[in-house]
Amino acid sequence: MLKVLPLRPSPQPLANGQVWRMAGANLKVDMVGKLLVHYKLAKPDAVRVPCSINSIKTIEAFLKTNKAVLV
């Protein structure tokens, strides 16, 4: 007998201008390239936020582990 697993919605691909909300932080995607993502990670009420660069796979794993929700 086969077990039927419930289908999870597939994660959204990263795109320019997306804002992901996590517990205590927001991640704003500025630009997505072939391999890298330019993003800003900050608390919701932060005034100055540095721009960071990381690989797409790393950002997707980070969003998954922190249970981020696309706003």
C-alpha atoms as a PDB file:
ATOM      1  CA  MET A   1       0.000   0.000   0.000  1.00  0.00           C
ATOM      2  CA  LEU A   2       1.350   3.435  -0.932  1.00  0.00           C
ATOM      3  CA  LYS A   3       1.317   6.371   1.434  1.00  0.00           C
ATOM      4  CA  VAL A   4      -0.147   9.527  -0.039  1.00  0.00           C
ATOM      5  CA  LEU A   5       1.709  12.617   1.136  1.00  0.00           C
ATOM      6  CA  PRO A   6       0.024  16.012   1.077  1.00  0.00           C
ATOM      7  CA  LEU A   7       1.399  18.292  -1.605  1.00  0.00           C
ATOM      8  CA  ARG A   8       3.294  21.343  -0.443  1.00  0.00           C
ATOM      9  CA  PRO A   9       3.118  24.466  -2.542  1.00  0.00           C
ATOM     10  CA  SER A  10       6.331  24.858  -4.474  1.00  0.00           C
ATOM     11  CA  PRO A  11       8.500  27.737  -3.231  1.00  0.00           C
ATOM     12  CA  GLN A  12       8.383  30.953  -5.225  1.00  0.00           C
ATOM     13  CA  PRO A  13      11.479  31.623  -7.324  1.00  0.00           C
ATOM     14  CA  LEU A  14      13.420  34.689  -6.260  1.00  0.00           C
ATOM     15  CA  ALA A  15      12.555  37.793  -8.270  1.00  0.00           C
ATOM     16  CA  ASN A  16      13.468  41.481  -8.160  1.00  0.00           C
ATOM     17  CA  GLY A  17      11.521  43.519  -5.601  1.00  0.00           C
ATOM     18  CA  GLN A  18      10.254  40.636  -3.462  1.00  0.00           C
ATOM     19  CA  VAL A  19       9.933  41.118   0.297  1.00  0.00           C
ATOM     20  CA  TRP A  20      10.151  38.026   2.513  1.00  0.00           C
ATOM     21  CA  ARG A  21       8.959  38.297   6.122  1.00  0.00           C
ATOM     22  CA  MET A  22      10.453  36.171   8.906  1.00  0.00           C
ATOM     23  CA  ALA A  23      10.270  36.289  12.677  1.00  0.00           C
ATOM     24  CA  GLY A  24      11.971  39.574  13.554  1.00  0.00           C
ATOM     25  CA  ALA A  25      13.408  40.394  10.124  1.00  0.00           C
ATOM     26  CA  ASN A  26      12.560  41.231   6.525  1.00  0.00           C
ATOM     27  CA  LEU A  27      14.578  40.268   3.461  1.00  0.00           C
ATOM     28  CA  LYS A  28      14.150  42.510   0.398  1.00  0.00           C
ATOM     29  CA  VAL A  29      15.467  41.149  -2.895  1.00  0.00           C
ATOM     30  CA  ASP A  30      17.015  43.980  -4.922  1.00  0.00           C
ATOM     31  CA  MET A  31      18.404  42.143  -7.939  1.00  0.00           C
ATOM     32  CA  VAL A  32      18.643  38.505  -9.039  1.00  0.00           C
ATOM     33  CA  GLY A  33      21.343  37.386 -11.442  1.00  0.00           C
ATOM     34  CA  LYS A  34      22.363  33.999 -12.831  1.00  0.00           C
ATOM     35  CA  LEU A  35      24.118  32.882  -9.649  1.00  0.00           C
ATOM     36  CA  LEU A  36      23.946  35.730  -7.128  1.00  0.00           C
ATOM     37  CA  VAL A  37      21.292  37.743  -5.302  1.00  0.00           C
ATOM     38  CA  HIS A  38      21.643  41.337  -4.072  1.00  0.00           C
ATOM     39  CA  TYR A  39      19.467  41.677  -0.981  1.00  0.00           C
ATOM     40  CA  LYS A  40      18.843  43.680   2.186  1.00  0.00           C
ATOM     41  CA  LEU A  41      18.205  41.876   5.471  1.00  0.00           C
ATOM     42  CA  ALA A  42      17.022  44.008   8.372  1.00  0.00           C
ATOM     43  CA  LYS A  43      14.577  44.405  11.210  1.00  0.00           C
ATOM     44  CA  PRO A  44      11.249  45.917  10.114  1.00  0.00           C
ATOM     45  CA  ASP A  45      11.910  49.352  11.681  1.00  0.00           C
ATOM     46  CA  ALA A  46      15.579  49.715  10.619  1.00  0.00           C
ATOM     47  CA  VAL A  47      16.650  53.043   9.108  1.00  0.00           C
ATOM     48  CA  ARG A  48      19.906  52.103   7.376  1.00  0.00           C
ATOM     49  CA  VAL A  49      20.269  48.678   5.839  1.00  0.00           C
ATOM     50  CA  PRO A  50      23.416  47.404   4.111  1.00  0.00           C
ATOM     51  CA  CYS A  51      23.142  45.627   0.779  1.00  0.00           C
ATOM     52  CA  SER A  52      24.511  42.072   0.790  1.00  0.00           C
ATOM     53  CA  ILE A  53      25.325  39.558  -1.932  1.00  0.00           C
ATOM     54  CA  ASN A  54      25.039  35.786  -1.720  1.00  0.00           C
ATOM     55  CA  SER A  55      24.270  32.794  -3.934  1.00  0.00           C
ATOM     56  CA  ILE A  56      20.695  31.947  -4.895  1.00  0.00           C
ATOM     57  CA  LYS A  57      20.885  28.475  -3.326  1.00  0.00           C
ATOM     58  CA  THR A  58      22.113  29.902  -0.024  1.00  0.00           C
ATOM     59  CA  ILE A  59      19.314  32.482   0.125  1.00  0.00           C
ATOM     60  CA  GLU A  60      16.663  29.882  -0.721  1.00  0.00           C
ATOM     61  CA  ALA A  61      17.975  27.591   2.024  1.00  0.00           C
ATOM     62  CA  PHE A  62      18.027  30.519   4.486  1.00  0.00           C
ATOM     63  CA  LEU A  63      14.425  31.417   3.658  1.00  0.00           C
ATOM     64  CA  LYS A  64      13.347  27.802   4.050  1.00  0.00           C
ATOM     65  CA  THR A  65      15.034  27.279   7.420  1.00  0.00           C
ATOM     66  CA  ASN A  66      13.603  30.539   8.793  1.00  0.00           C
ATOM     67  CA  LYS A  67      10.100  29.775   7.417  1.00  0.00           C
ATOM     68  CA  ALA A  68       9.927  33.013   5.457  1.00  0.00           C
ATOM     69  CA  VAL A  69       6.640  34.153   3.936  1.00  0.00           C
ATOM     70  CA  LEU A  70       6.407  36.172   0.736  1.00  0.00           C
ATOM     71  CA  VAL A  71       4.597  39.470   1.371  1.00  0.00           C
END
